Amino acid sequence: MAIVSSSYVSDAHAQSGGGFLTTESFTDGNGNLYTNTYLWDGLASRDDLLAARAAALSVRLADEEANAMIGQG
């Protein structure tokens, strides 16, 4: 299943222990929404993180879809 849309939003203020609360949202080709929340360190590229997670999610969804088609899901 392809991811057709992805975005992120981060809090403007750091958490007390450091990092910025960040929520990523991914939408697949069927309109299903998937979210991921993590503490962003303020240094790593959120675009790179988002792209890597979108690719991993797309592979996972394709595997789940294939397994369901052959009766293993």
C-alpha atoms as a PDB file:
ATOM      1  CA  MET A   1       0.000   0.000   0.000  1.00  0.00           C
ATOM      2  CA  ALA A   2       1.428   3.343  -0.993  1.00  0.00           C
ATOM      3  CA  ILE A   3       1.702   6.260   1.387  1.00  0.00           C
ATOM      4  CA  VAL A   4       0.139   9.186  -0.476  1.00  0.00           C
ATOM      5  CA  SER A   5       0.580  11.927   2.098  1.00  0.00           C
ATOM      6  CA  SER A   6       2.803  12.562   5.086  1.00  0.00           C
ATOM      7  CA  SER A   7       3.393  15.505   7.388  1.00  0.00           C
ATOM      8  CA  TYR A   8       4.695  16.400  10.820  1.00  0.00           C
ATOM      9  CA  VAL A   9       4.153  19.002  13.502  1.00  0.00           C
ATOM     10  CA  SER A  10       6.457  19.761  16.441  1.00  0.00           C
ATOM     11  CA  ASP A  11       5.802  21.690  19.629  1.00  0.00           C
ATOM     12  CA  ALA A  12       7.495  25.093  19.643  1.00  0.00           C
ATOM     13  CA  HIS A  13       8.890  24.613  23.153  1.00  0.00           C
ATOM     14  CA  ALA A  14      11.249  21.883  24.348  1.00  0.00           C
ATOM     15  CA  GLN A  15      10.060  19.330  26.883  1.00  0.00           C
ATOM     16  CA  SER A  16      11.525  19.531  30.386  1.00  0.00           C
ATOM     17  CA  GLY A  17      13.887  16.628  29.657  1.00  0.00           C
ATOM     18  CA  GLY A  18      14.856  17.997  26.255  1.00  0.00           C
ATOM     19  CA  GLY A  19      13.476  17.339  22.815  1.00  0.00           C
ATOM     20  CA  PHE A  20      10.401  18.592  21.040  1.00  0.00           C
ATOM     21  CA  LEU A  21       7.232  16.502  20.974  1.00  0.00           C
ATOM     22  CA  THR A  22       6.651  15.695  17.293  1.00  0.00           C
ATOM     23  CA  THR A  23       3.715  13.928  15.677  1.00  0.00           C
ATOM     24  CA  GLU A  24       3.954  12.487  12.187  1.00  0.00           C
ATOM     25  CA  SER A  25       0.858  11.653  10.143  1.00  0.00           C
ATOM     26  CA  PHE A  26       0.764   9.303   7.160  1.00  0.00           C
ATOM     27  CA  THR A  27      -2.182   8.601   4.855  1.00  0.00           C
ATOM     28  CA  ASP A  28      -2.306   5.498   2.667  1.00  0.00           C
ATOM     29  CA  GLY A  29      -4.003   5.044  -0.693  1.00  0.00           C
ATOM     30  CA  ASN A  30      -7.242   3.951   1.017  1.00  0.00           C
ATOM     31  CA  GLY A  31      -7.387   7.087   3.160  1.00  0.00           C
ATOM     32  CA  ASN A  32      -6.318   5.339   6.381  1.00  0.00           C
ATOM     33  CA  LEU A  33      -4.380   7.568   8.767  1.00  0.00           C
ATOM     34  CA  TYR A  34      -1.329   6.374  10.731  1.00  0.00           C
ATOM     35  CA  THR A  35       0.441   8.475  13.347  1.00  0.00           C
ATOM     36  CA  ASN A  36       3.778   8.320  15.102  1.00  0.00           C
ATOM     37  CA  THR A  37       4.762  10.504  18.063  1.00  0.00           C
ATOM     38  CA  TYR A  38       8.329  10.948  19.278  1.00  0.00           C
ATOM     39  CA  LEU A  39      10.708  13.434  20.887  1.00  0.00           C
ATOM     40  CA  TRP A  40      12.696  15.220  18.178  1.00  0.00           C
ATOM     41  CA  ASP A  41      16.189  16.250  19.274  1.00  0.00           C
ATOM     42  CA  GLY A  42      16.043  19.540  17.371  1.00  0.00           C
ATOM     43  CA  LEU A  43      19.020  18.540  15.223  1.00  0.00           C
ATOM     44  CA  ALA A  44      18.084  15.637  12.953  1.00  0.00           C
ATOM     45  CA  SER A  45      16.292  16.457   9.717  1.00  0.00           C
ATOM     46  CA  ARG A  46      12.593  15.841  10.331  1.00  0.00           C
ATOM     47  CA  ASP A  47      12.109  15.548   6.558  1.00  0.00           C
ATOM     48  CA  ASP A  48      14.625  12.681   6.411  1.00  0.00           C
ATOM     49  CA  LEU A  49      13.020  10.991   9.432  1.00  0.00           C
ATOM     50  CA  LEU A  50       9.564  11.382   7.882  1.00  0.00           C
ATOM     51  CA  ALA A  51      10.694   9.947   4.532  1.00  0.00           C
ATOM     52  CA  ALA A  52      12.363   6.947   6.185  1.00  0.00           C
ATOM     53  CA  ARG A  53       9.299   6.183   8.304  1.00  0.00           C
ATOM     54  CA  ALA A  54       6.951   6.595   5.326  1.00  0.00           C
ATOM     55  CA  ALA A  55       9.035   4.118   3.316  1.00  0.00           C
ATOM     56  CA  ALA A  56       9.117   1.615   6.192  1.00  0.00           C
ATOM     57  CA  LEU A  57       5.365   1.941   6.749  1.00  0.00           C
ATOM     58  CA  SER A  58       4.686   1.440   3.041  1.00  0.00           C
ATOM     59  CA  VAL A  59       6.716  -1.794   3.047  1.00  0.00           C
ATOM     60  CA  ARG A  60       4.951  -3.027   6.187  1.00  0.00           C
ATOM     61  CA  LEU A  61       1.517  -2.306   4.720  1.00  0.00           C
ATOM     62  CA  ALA A  62       2.432  -4.052   1.451  1.00  0.00           C
ATOM     63  CA  ASP A  63       3.607  -7.104   3.403  1.00  0.00           C
ATOM     64  CA  GLU A  64       0.391  -7.156   5.440  1.00  0.00           C
ATOM     65  CA  GLU A  65      -1.690  -6.825   2.278  1.00  0.00           C
ATOM     66  CA  ALA A  66       0.199  -9.670   0.562  1.00  0.00           C
ATOM     67  CA  ASN A  67      -0.141 -11.921   3.615  1.00  0.00           C
ATOM     68  CA  ALA A  68      -3.872 -11.223   3.780  1.00  0.00           C
ATOM     69  CA  MET A  69      -4.235 -12.136   0.099  1.00  0.00           C
ATOM     70  CA  ILE A  70      -2.611 -15.529   0.616  1.00  0.00           C
ATOM     71  CA  GLY A  71      -4.452 -16.188   3.854  1.00  0.00           C
ATOM     72  CA  GLN A  72      -1.667 -15.593   6.343  1.00  0.00           C
ATOM     73  CA  GLY A  73      -2.988 -12.395   7.872  1.00  0.00           C
END
